[in-house]
Amino acid sequence: MPLRLILSAIGDEFRELGEFTERFQLTLSPAVRRLALDEQCHRDVQSLDLLAQRLAALSGYILEISDLLPEDLLLDSRRALASITLSELQYRLKGAPLPQEQGHISGELELF
C-alpha cells in the first residue's frame, strides 16, 4: 500500500477525532460552567481543549508529510493493521470500503 495513502488515512483520523473532541466540548460547556468552582473538573475540561488542538496539529503534520512523499513508495502494512481491533477504523486505514451489512461488528463500541 502506498505510504502516502496510509499517512493520509491516519491524518484524516486525527482530524476527525479533533473535530469530535471540539463538538464534545461544546456539548459539555453548559455543565462545565456549573462545575466551574471545582478546580479539578475545570482542569480536566481544559484538557479536552488541549486534546482537540493536539489532534488538529498532528493531523496537519501527518497530512503535510504525506503530501511530500513520492506516490510509488509502498509499505506492507498488514501486520500493523492487524493490531487495530476496531473494525471500521481498520477498514478506513486500509482504504477499503466498509462491508454492506452494517450490523454489530465485533470490537466496536456502541453508544445509545
Protein backbone atom coordinates (compact mmCIF):
# COMPACT_ATOMS: atom_id res chain seq x y z
CA MET A 1 0.00 0.00 0.00
CA PRO A 2 1.39 3.46 -0.79
CA LEU A 3 2.77 5.12 2.32
CA ARG A 4 1.11 8.38 1.24
CA LEU A 5 -2.31 6.72 1.49
CA ILE A 6 -1.52 5.25 4.90
CA LEU A 7 -0.41 8.60 6.29
CA SER A 8 -3.37 10.37 4.70
CA ALA A 9 -5.76 7.94 6.36
CA ILE A 10 -4.06 8.45 9.73
CA GLY A 11 -4.14 12.23 9.28
CA ASP A 12 -7.84 12.08 8.43
CA GLU A 13 -8.48 10.03 11.58
CA PHE A 14 -6.64 12.60 13.72
CA ARG A 15 -8.65 15.40 12.08
CA GLU A 16 -11.94 13.62 12.68
CA LEU A 17 -11.04 12.89 16.33
CA GLY A 18 -10.12 16.53 16.83
CA GLU A 19 -13.47 17.64 15.40
CA PHE A 20 -15.27 15.13 17.60
CA THR A 21 -13.43 16.46 20.66
CA GLU A 22 -14.41 20.04 19.78
CA ARG A 23 -18.09 19.03 19.43
CA PHE A 24 -17.85 17.18 22.73
CA GLN A 25 -16.53 20.33 24.41
CA LEU A 26 -19.47 22.36 23.08
CA THR A 27 -21.89 19.75 24.38
CA LEU A 28 -20.30 19.79 27.82
CA SER A 29 -19.84 23.55 28.15
CA PRO A 30 -23.18 24.30 29.93
CA ALA A 31 -22.49 21.61 32.53
CA VAL A 32 -18.90 22.77 32.92
CA ARG A 33 -19.99 26.30 33.76
CA ARG A 34 -21.98 24.88 36.64
CA LEU A 35 -18.96 22.92 37.83
CA ALA A 36 -16.51 25.77 37.34
CA LEU A 37 -15.95 26.02 41.06
CA ASP A 38 -14.46 22.52 41.04
CA GLU A 39 -10.81 23.16 40.19
CA GLN A 40 -10.04 19.58 39.08
CA CYS A 41 -13.09 19.49 36.80
CA HIS A 42 -12.06 22.80 35.27
CA ARG A 43 -8.56 21.45 34.54
CA ASP A 44 -10.00 18.27 33.02
CA VAL A 45 -12.23 20.25 30.68
CA GLN A 46 -9.29 22.42 29.65
CA SER A 47 -7.51 19.17 28.82
CA LEU A 48 -10.23 18.47 26.25
CA ASP A 49 -9.33 21.72 24.51
CA LEU A 50 -5.66 20.75 24.54
CA LEU A 51 -6.58 17.32 23.16
CA ALA A 52 -8.54 18.90 20.28
CA GLN A 53 -5.64 21.25 19.49
CA ARG A 54 -3.04 18.48 19.56
CA LEU A 55 -5.14 16.19 17.35
CA ALA A 56 -5.59 19.01 14.83
CA ALA A 57 -1.85 19.71 14.87
CA LEU A 58 -0.98 16.02 14.41
CA SER A 59 -3.47 15.75 11.58
CA GLY A 60 -1.93 18.67 9.74
CA TYR A 61 1.59 17.35 10.33
CA ILE A 62 0.82 13.84 9.06
CA LEU A 63 -1.09 15.16 6.04
CA GLU A 64 1.77 17.52 5.13
CA ILE A 65 4.31 14.69 5.35
CA SER A 66 2.02 12.52 3.25
CA ASP A 67 1.94 15.16 0.52
CA LEU A 68 5.77 15.25 0.44
CA LEU A 69 6.20 11.51 -0.19
CA PRO A 70 6.55 10.02 -3.65
CA GLU A 71 3.43 8.16 -4.75
CA ASP A 72 5.35 4.98 -5.58
CA LEU A 73 6.74 4.49 -2.05
CA LEU A 74 5.00 1.28 -0.89
CA LEU A 75 4.69 -0.33 2.51
CA ASP A 76 3.28 -3.69 3.62
CA SER A 77 1.01 -2.53 6.44
CA ARG A 78 -0.86 -5.80 7.05
CA ARG A 79 0.94 -6.60 10.29
CA ALA A 80 0.38 -3.10 11.66
CA LEU A 81 -3.29 -3.19 10.60
CA ALA A 82 -3.74 -6.49 12.42
CA SER A 83 -3.07 -4.63 15.68
CA ILE A 84 -6.10 -2.36 15.09
CA THR A 85 -9.02 -4.00 16.89
CA LEU A 86 -11.70 -1.51 15.80
CA SER A 87 -13.09 -2.97 12.58
CA GLU A 88 -14.33 0.23 10.96
CA LEU A 89 -11.07 2.02 11.73
CA GLN A 90 -9.14 -0.86 10.22
CA TYR A 91 -11.21 -0.63 7.01
CA ARG A 92 -10.67 3.13 6.79
CA LEU A 93 -6.91 2.76 7.30
CA LYS A 94 -6.83 0.10 4.57
CA GLY A 95 -8.68 2.43 2.27
CA ALA A 96 -11.24 -0.35 1.82
CA PRO A 97 -14.99 0.17 1.70
CA LEU A 98 -16.96 -0.91 4.74
CA PRO A 99 -18.92 -4.15 4.33
CA GLN A 100 -22.51 -3.62 3.15
CA GLU A 101 -24.06 -5.17 6.26
CA GLN A 102 -23.66 -2.58 9.00
CA GLY A 103 -24.78 -4.77 11.89
CA HIS A 104 -22.79 -5.00 15.08
CA ILE A 105 -19.11 -5.52 14.26
CA SER A 106 -17.05 -7.28 16.91
CA GLY A 107 -14.77 -4.93 18.78
CA GLU A 108 -16.84 -1.82 18.05
CA LEU A 109 -18.20 0.42 20.77
CA GLU A 110 -21.92 1.01 20.51
CA LEU A 111 -23.34 4.08 22.24
CA PHE A 112 -27.03 4.56 22.93
